PDB file of N, CA and C in Angstrom:
ATOM      1  N   MET A   1       0.649 -41.327  18.786  1.00  0.00           N
ATOM      2  CA  MET A   1       0.483 -40.650  17.516  1.00  0.00           C
ATOM      3  C   MET A   1       1.753 -39.864  17.225  1.00  0.00           C
ATOM      4  N   THR A   2       2.261 -40.002  16.030  1.00  0.00           N
ATOM      5  CA  THR A   2       3.442 -39.249  15.635  1.00  0.00           C
ATOM      6  C   THR A   2       3.001 -38.025  14.856  1.00  0.00           C
ATOM      7  N   SER A   3       3.837 -37.023  14.872  1.00  0.00           N
ATOM      8  CA  SER A   3       3.515 -35.772  14.204  1.00  0.00           C
ATOM      9  C   SER A   3       4.587 -35.461  13.177  1.00  0.00           C
ATOM     10  N   ASN A   4       4.154 -34.909  12.050  1.00  0.00           N
ATOM     11  CA  ASN A   4       5.075 -34.468  11.015  1.00  0.00           C
ATOM     12  C   ASN A   4       5.420 -32.995  11.192  1.00  0.00           C
ATOM     13  N   HIS A   5       4.997 -32.396  12.297  1.00  0.00           N
ATOM     14  CA  HIS A   5       5.197 -30.969  12.547  1.00  0.00           C
ATOM     15  C   HIS A   5       6.562 -30.719  13.164  1.00  0.00           C
ATOM     16  N   ASP A   6       7.283 -29.778  12.595  1.00  0.00           N
ATOM     17  CA  ASP A   6       8.555 -29.327  13.150  1.00  0.00           C
ATOM     18  C   ASP A   6       8.237 -28.333  14.264  1.00  0.00           C
ATOM     19  N   PRO A   7       8.600 -28.632  15.516  1.00  0.00           N
ATOM     20  CA  PRO A   7       8.244 -27.754  16.633  1.00  0.00           C
ATOM     21  C   PRO A   7       8.726 -26.314  16.480  1.00  0.00           C
ATOM     22  N   GLY A   8       9.733 -26.081  15.662  1.00  0.00           N
ATOM     23  CA  GLY A   8      10.230 -24.728  15.461  1.00  0.00           C
ATOM     24  C   GLY A   8       9.424 -23.931  14.454  1.00  0.00           C
ATOM     25  N   GLN A   9       8.501 -24.577  13.771  1.00  0.00           N
ATOM     26  CA  GLN A   9       7.712 -23.929  12.732  1.00  0.00           C
ATOM     27  C   GLN A   9       6.445 -23.319  13.340  1.00  0.00           C
ATOM     28  N   ALA A  10       6.165 -22.071  13.001  1.00  0.00           N
ATOM     29  CA  ALA A  10       4.978 -21.389  13.523  1.00  0.00           C
ATOM     30  C   ALA A  10       3.713 -22.011  12.944  1.00  0.00           C
ATOM     31  N   ILE A  11       2.706 -22.115  13.786  1.00  0.00           N
ATOM     32  CA  ILE A  11       1.417 -22.657  13.351  1.00  0.00           C
ATOM     33  C   ILE A  11       0.534 -21.501  12.918  1.00  0.00           C
ATOM     34  N   ASP A  12       0.039 -21.570  11.692  1.00  0.00           N
ATOM     35  CA  ASP A  12      -0.794 -20.524  11.112  1.00  0.00           C
ATOM     36  C   ASP A  12      -2.139 -21.129  10.724  1.00  0.00           C
ATOM     37  N   LEU A  13      -2.947 -21.440  11.737  1.00  0.00           N
ATOM     38  CA  LEU A  13      -4.285 -21.982  11.543  1.00  0.00           C
ATOM     39  C   LEU A  13      -5.260 -21.091  12.304  1.00  0.00           C
ATOM     40  N   PRO A  14      -6.548 -21.080  11.901  1.00  0.00           N
ATOM     41  CA  PRO A  14      -7.514 -20.224  12.601  1.00  0.00           C
ATOM     42  C   PRO A  14      -7.557 -20.516  14.103  1.00  0.00           C
ATOM     43  N   ASP A  15      -7.580 -19.466  14.913  1.00  0.00           N
ATOM     44  CA  ASP A  15      -7.600 -19.606  16.369  1.00  0.00           C
ATOM     45  C   ASP A  15      -8.823 -20.362  16.869  1.00  0.00           C
ATOM     46  N   LYS A  16      -9.956 -20.173  16.216  1.00  0.00           N
ATOM     47  CA  LYS A  16     -11.195 -20.785  16.693  1.00  0.00           C
ATOM     48  C   LYS A  16     -11.441 -22.174  16.116  1.00  0.00           C
ATOM     49  N   LEU A  17     -10.482 -22.706  15.393  1.00  0.00           N
ATOM     50  CA  LEU A  17     -10.615 -24.054  14.854  1.00  0.00           C
ATOM     51  C   LEU A  17     -10.677 -25.043  16.015  1.00  0.00           C
ATOM     52  N   ALA A  18     -11.634 -25.970  15.959  1.00  0.00           N
ATOM     53  CA  ALA A  18     -11.808 -26.946  17.039  1.00  0.00           C
ATOM     54  C   ALA A  18     -10.510 -27.715  17.282  1.00  0.00           C
ATOM     55  N   LYS A  19     -10.270 -28.036  18.533  1.00  0.00           N
ATOM     56  CA  LYS A  19      -9.021 -28.708  18.898  1.00  0.00           C
ATOM     57  C   LYS A  19      -8.812 -30.035  18.176  1.00  0.00           C
ATOM     58  N   PRO A  20      -9.843 -30.885  18.023  1.00  0.00           N
ATOM     59  CA  PRO A  20      -9.604 -32.138  17.284  1.00  0.00           C
ATOM     60  C   PRO A  20      -9.164 -31.884  15.839  1.00  0.00           C
ATOM     61  N   ALA A  21      -9.767 -30.887  15.193  1.00  0.00           N
ATOM     62  CA  ALA A  21      -9.396 -30.556  13.818  1.00  0.00           C
ATOM     63  C   ALA A  21      -7.977 -30.005  13.770  1.00  0.00           C
ATOM     64  N   ARG A  22      -7.648 -29.133  14.709  1.00  0.00           N
ATOM     65  CA  ARG A  22      -6.294 -28.562  14.776  1.00  0.00           C
ATOM     66  C   ARG A  22      -5.259 -29.666  14.974  1.00  0.00           C
ATOM     67  N   ARG A  23      -5.526 -30.582  15.912  1.00  0.00           N
ATOM     68  CA  ARG A  23      -4.591 -31.686  16.168  1.00  0.00           C
ATOM     69  C   ARG A  23      -4.432 -32.568  14.931  1.00  0.00           C
ATOM     70  N   ALA A  24      -5.540 -32.821  14.234  1.00  0.00           N
ATOM     71  CA  ALA A  24      -5.480 -33.657  13.034  1.00  0.00           C
ATOM     72  C   ALA A  24      -4.594 -33.020  11.970  1.00  0.00           C
ATOM     73  N   LEU A  25      -4.758 -31.729  11.762  1.00  0.00           N
ATOM     74  CA  LEU A  25      -3.949 -31.029  10.760  1.00  0.00           C
ATOM     75  C   LEU A  25      -2.476 -31.029  11.136  1.00  0.00           C
ATOM     76  N   ILE A  26      -2.185 -30.706  12.378  1.00  0.00           N
ATOM     77  CA  ILE A  26      -0.790 -30.640  12.823  1.00  0.00           C
ATOM     78  C   ILE A  26      -0.141 -32.017  12.749  1.00  0.00           C
ATOM     79  N   ALA A  27      -0.868 -33.054  13.163  1.00  0.00           N
ATOM     80  CA  ALA A  27      -0.326 -34.415  13.112  1.00  0.00           C
ATOM     81  C   ALA A  27      -0.010 -34.833  11.682  1.00  0.00           C
ATOM     82  N   ALA A  28      -0.790 -34.321  10.725  1.00  0.00           N
ATOM     83  CA  ALA A  28      -0.559 -34.641   9.316  1.00  0.00           C
ATOM     84  C   ALA A  28       0.494 -33.730   8.692  1.00  0.00           C
ATOM     85  N   GLY A  29       0.995 -32.764   9.465  1.00  0.00           N
ATOM     86  CA  GLY A  29       2.046 -31.885   8.964  1.00  0.00           C
ATOM     87  C   GLY A  29       1.552 -30.598   8.339  1.00  0.00           C
ATOM     88  N   TYR A  30       0.259 -30.305   8.466  1.00  0.00           N
ATOM     89  CA  TYR A  30      -0.312 -29.077   7.904  1.00  0.00           C
ATOM     90  C   TYR A  30      -0.393 -28.021   8.999  1.00  0.00           C
ATOM     91  N   VAL A  31       0.429 -26.996   8.898  1.00  0.00           N
ATOM     92  CA  VAL A  31       0.463 -25.961   9.928  1.00  0.00           C
ATOM     93  C   VAL A  31       0.249 -24.556   9.366  1.00  0.00           C
ATOM     94  N   ARG A  32       0.132 -24.444   8.044  1.00  0.00           N
ATOM     95  CA  ARG A  32      -0.065 -23.138   7.411  1.00  0.00           C
ATOM     96  C   ARG A  32      -1.236 -23.210   6.442  1.00  0.00           C
ATOM     97  N   LEU A  33      -1.999 -22.135   6.385  1.00  0.00           N
ATOM     98  CA  LEU A  33      -3.144 -22.097   5.475  1.00  0.00           C
ATOM     99  C   LEU A  33      -2.713 -22.294   4.024  1.00  0.00           C
ATOM    100  N   GLU A  34      -1.546 -21.788   3.674  1.00  0.00           N
ATOM    101  CA  GLU A  34      -1.071 -21.929   2.299  1.00  0.00           C
ATOM    102  C   GLU A  34      -0.917 -23.402   1.914  1.00  0.00           C
ATOM    103  N   GLN A  35      -0.559 -24.241   2.872  1.00  0.00           N
ATOM    104  CA  GLN A  35      -0.447 -25.679   2.603  1.00  0.00           C
ATOM    105  C   GLN A  35      -1.818 -26.260   2.279  1.00  0.00           C
ATOM    106  N   LEU A  36      -2.831 -25.797   2.982  1.00  0.00           N
ATOM    107  CA  LEU A  36      -4.176 -26.332   2.797  1.00  0.00           C
ATOM    108  C   LEU A  36      -4.760 -25.943   1.445  1.00  0.00           C
ATOM    109  N   ALA A  37      -4.305 -24.832   0.877  1.00  0.00           N
ATOM    110  CA  ALA A  37      -4.808 -24.381  -0.416  1.00  0.00           C
ATOM    111  C   ALA A  37      -4.419 -25.342  -1.539  1.00  0.00           C
ATOM    112  N   LYS A  38      -3.472 -26.225  -1.279  1.00  0.00           N
ATOM    113  CA  LYS A  38      -3.044 -27.199  -2.286  1.00  0.00           C
ATOM    114  C   LYS A  38      -3.862 -28.482  -2.217  1.00  0.00           C
ATOM    115  N   LEU A  39      -4.740 -28.578  -1.219  1.00  0.00           N
ATOM    116  CA  LEU A  39      -5.496 -29.806  -0.981  1.00  0.00           C
ATOM    117  C   LEU A  39      -6.961 -29.644  -1.344  1.00  0.00           C
ATOM    118  N   ARG A  40      -7.604 -30.766  -1.594  1.00  0.00           N
ATOM    119  CA  ARG A  40      -9.054 -30.783  -1.785  1.00  0.00           C
ATOM    120  C   ARG A  40      -9.718 -30.961  -0.427  1.00  0.00           C
ATOM    121  N   GLU A  41     -10.926 -30.459  -0.318  1.00  0.00           N
ATOM    122  CA  GLU A  41     -11.683 -30.623   0.924  1.00  0.00           C
ATOM    123  C   GLU A  41     -11.811 -32.099   1.285  1.00  0.00           C
ATOM    124  N   SER A  42     -12.037 -32.928   0.282  1.00  0.00           N
ATOM    125  CA  SER A  42     -12.229 -34.363   0.532  1.00  0.00           C
ATOM    126  C   SER A  42     -10.994 -34.995   1.160  1.00  0.00           C
ATOM    127  N   GLU A  43      -9.820 -34.487   0.823  1.00  0.00           N
ATOM    128  CA  GLU A  43      -8.592 -35.016   1.419  1.00  0.00           C
ATOM    129  C   GLU A  43      -8.534 -34.693   2.910  1.00  0.00           C
ATOM    130  N   LEU A  44      -8.939 -33.491   3.263  1.00  0.00           N
ATOM    131  CA  LEU A  44      -8.913 -33.095   4.670  1.00  0.00           C
ATOM    132  C   LEU A  44      -9.980 -33.821   5.478  1.00  0.00           C
ATOM    133  N   LEU A  45     -11.121 -34.084   4.859  1.00  0.00           N
ATOM    134  CA  LEU A  45     -12.194 -34.780   5.571  1.00  0.00           C
ATOM    135  C   LEU A  45     -11.812 -36.207   5.942  1.00  0.00           C
ATOM    136  N   LYS A  46     -10.795 -36.739   5.314  1.00  0.00           N
ATOM    137  CA  LYS A  46     -10.328 -38.092   5.644  1.00  0.00           C
ATOM    138  C   LYS A  46      -9.547 -38.120   6.954  1.00  0.00           C
ATOM    139  N   LEU A  47      -9.107 -36.958   7.423  1.00  0.00           N
ATOM    140  CA  LEU A  47      -8.337 -36.894   8.664  1.00  0.00           C
ATOM    141  C   LEU A  47      -9.264 -37.089   9.856  1.00  0.00           C
ATOM    142  N   HIS A  48      -8.867 -37.939  10.777  1.00  0.00           N
ATOM    143  CA  HIS A  48      -9.652 -38.166  11.988  1.00  0.00           C
ATOM    144  C   HIS A  48      -9.675 -36.890  12.821  1.00  0.00           C
ATOM    145  N   GLY A  49     -10.862 -36.374  13.083  1.00  0.00           N
ATOM    146  CA  GLY A  49     -11.006 -35.139  13.840  1.00  0.00           C
ATOM    147  C   GLY A  49     -11.447 -33.963  12.984  1.00  0.00           C
ATOM    148  N   MET A  50     -11.386 -34.129  11.671  1.00  0.00           N
ATOM    149  CA  MET A  50     -11.780 -33.053  10.765  1.00  0.00           C
ATOM    150  C   MET A  50     -13.199 -33.322  10.271  1.00  0.00           C
ATOM    151  N   GLY A  51     -14.073 -32.335  10.430  1.00  0.00           N
ATOM    152  CA  GLY A  51     -15.456 -32.480   9.990  1.00  0.00           C
ATOM    153  C   GLY A  51     -15.896 -31.288   9.169  1.00  0.00           C
ATOM    154  N   PRO A  52     -17.176 -31.267   8.794  1.00  0.00           N
ATOM    155  CA  PRO A  52     -17.700 -30.180   7.961  1.00  0.00           C
ATOM    156  C   PRO A  52     -17.534 -28.790   8.583  1.00  0.00           C
ATOM    157  N   LYS A  53     -17.694 -28.683   9.886  1.00  0.00           N
ATOM    158  CA  LYS A  53     -17.546 -27.380  10.540  1.00  0.00           C
ATOM    159  C   LYS A  53     -16.104 -26.885  10.427  1.00  0.00           C
ATOM    160  N   GLY A  54     -15.150 -27.776  10.633  1.00  0.00           N
ATOM    161  CA  GLY A  54     -13.747 -27.404  10.497  1.00  0.00           C
ATOM    162  C   GLY A  54     -13.412 -26.986   9.078  1.00  0.00           C
ATOM    163  N   ILE A  55     -13.952 -27.723   8.109  1.00  0.00           N
ATOM    164  CA  ILE A  55     -13.726 -27.384   6.700  1.00  0.00           C
ATOM    165  C   ILE A  55     -14.279 -25.993   6.411  1.00  0.00           C
ATOM    166  N   ASP A  56     -15.470 -25.698   6.935  1.00  0.00           N
ATOM    167  CA  ASP A  56     -16.077 -24.389   6.716  1.00  0.00           C
ATOM    168  C   ASP A  56     -15.216 -23.280   7.317  1.00  0.00           C
ATOM    169  N   GLN A  57     -14.700 -23.497   8.517  1.00  0.00           N
ATOM    170  CA  GLN A  57     -13.834 -22.497   9.151  1.00  0.00           C
ATOM    171  C   GLN A  57     -12.562 -22.285   8.334  1.00  0.00           C
ATOM    172  N   LEU A  58     -12.003 -23.371   7.841  1.00  0.00           N
ATOM    173  CA  LEU A  58     -10.791 -23.260   7.023  1.00  0.00           C
ATOM    174  C   LEU A  58     -11.091 -22.569   5.699  1.00  0.00           C
ATOM    175  N   ARG A  59     -12.239 -22.884   5.100  1.00  0.00           N
ATOM    176  CA  ARG A  59     -12.625 -22.261   3.834  1.00  0.00           C
ATOM    177  C   ARG A  59     -12.720 -20.739   4.004  1.00  0.00           C
ATOM    178  N   ARG A  60     -13.330 -20.289   5.100  1.00  0.00           N
ATOM    179  CA  ARG A  60     -13.449 -18.851   5.354  1.00  0.00           C
ATOM    180  C   ARG A  60     -12.086 -18.214   5.611  1.00  0.00           C
ATOM    181  N   ALA A  61     -11.234 -18.894   6.364  1.00  0.00           N
ATOM    182  CA  ALA A  61      -9.893 -18.363   6.644  1.00  0.00           C
ATOM    183  C   ALA A  61      -9.081 -18.251   5.354  1.00  0.00           C
ATOM    184  N   LEU A  62      -9.200 -19.245   4.488  1.00  0.00           N
ATOM    185  CA  LEU A  62      -8.512 -19.189   3.197  1.00  0.00           C
ATOM    186  C   LEU A  62      -9.038 -18.016   2.368  1.00  0.00           C
ATOM    187  N   ALA A  63     -10.364 -17.863   2.316  1.00  0.00           N
ATOM    188  CA  ALA A  63     -10.973 -16.786   1.530  1.00  0.00           C
ATOM    189  C   ALA A  63     -10.519 -15.419   2.028  1.00  0.00           C
ATOM    190  N   ASP A  64     -10.352 -15.275   3.335  1.00  0.00           N
ATOM    191  CA  ASP A  64      -9.877 -14.005   3.896  1.00  0.00           C
ATOM    192  C   ASP A  64      -8.497 -13.634   3.362  1.00  0.00           C
ATOM    193  N   ARG A  65      -7.751 -14.625   2.928  1.00  0.00           N
ATOM    194  CA  ARG A  65      -6.402 -14.384   2.382  1.00  0.00           C
ATOM    195  C   ARG A  65      -6.369 -14.488   0.861  1.00  0.00           C
ATOM    196  N   GLY A  66      -7.549 -14.593   0.257  1.00  0.00           N
ATOM    197  CA  GLY A  66      -7.616 -14.694  -1.193  1.00  0.00           C
ATOM    198  C   GLY A  66      -7.241 -16.068  -1.711  1.00  0.00           C
ATOM    199  N   LEU A  67      -7.352 -17.079  -0.859  1.00  0.00           N
ATOM    200  CA  LEU A  67      -7.013 -18.453  -1.226  1.00  0.00           C
ATOM    201  C   LEU A  67      -8.259 -19.321  -1.193  1.00  0.00           C
ATOM    202  N   SER A  68      -8.144 -20.529  -1.724  1.00  0.00           N
ATOM    203  CA  SER A  68      -9.235 -21.502  -1.651  1.00  0.00           C
ATOM    204  C   SER A  68      -8.637 -22.898  -1.721  1.00  0.00           C
ATOM    205  N   PHE A  69      -9.468 -23.886  -1.413  1.00  0.00           N
ATOM    206  CA  PHE A  69      -9.021 -25.265  -1.552  1.00  0.00           C
ATOM    207  C   PHE A  69      -8.807 -25.572  -3.028  1.00  0.00           C
ATOM    208  N   ALA A  70      -8.057 -26.631  -3.311  1.00  0.00           N
ATOM    209  CA  ALA A  70      -7.823 -27.055  -4.691  1.00  0.00           C
ATOM    210  C   ALA A  70      -9.160 -27.402  -5.335  1.00  0.00           C
ATOM    211  N   ASP A  71      -9.219 -27.321  -6.653  1.00  0.00           N
ATOM    212  CA  ASP A  71     -10.454 -27.625  -7.379  1.00  0.00           C
ATOM    213  C   ASP A  71     -10.926 -29.032  -7.094  1.00  0.00           C
ATOM    214  N   GLY A  72     -12.217 -29.193  -7.130  1.00  0.00           N
ATOM    215  CA  GLY A  72     -12.811 -30.497  -6.862  1.00  0.00           C
ATOM    216  C   GLY A  72     -12.967 -30.690  -5.373  1.00  0.00           C
ATOM    217  N   LYS A  73     -13.997 -31.405  -5.001  1.00  0.00           N
ATOM    218  CA  LYS A  73     -14.222 -31.638  -3.581  1.00  0.00           C
ATOM    219  C   LYS A  73     -13.777 -33.023  -3.271  1.00  0.00           C
TER     220      LYS A  73
END
């Protein structure tokens, strides 16, 4: 599996996010919550390892920062 993540870039994802979901996001190049705010939930659910629980954790983490997923599911 190849990763689009730059090893020098800090990862800003919830600490309690399940490892498969975390790996899926990092492999797709998503390492910051701000990046996820540009996406729809349905786009993230297409990633292998990302499920409803992970989406819920990300939704709460985004809300804590005053952010949300893009409109539409």
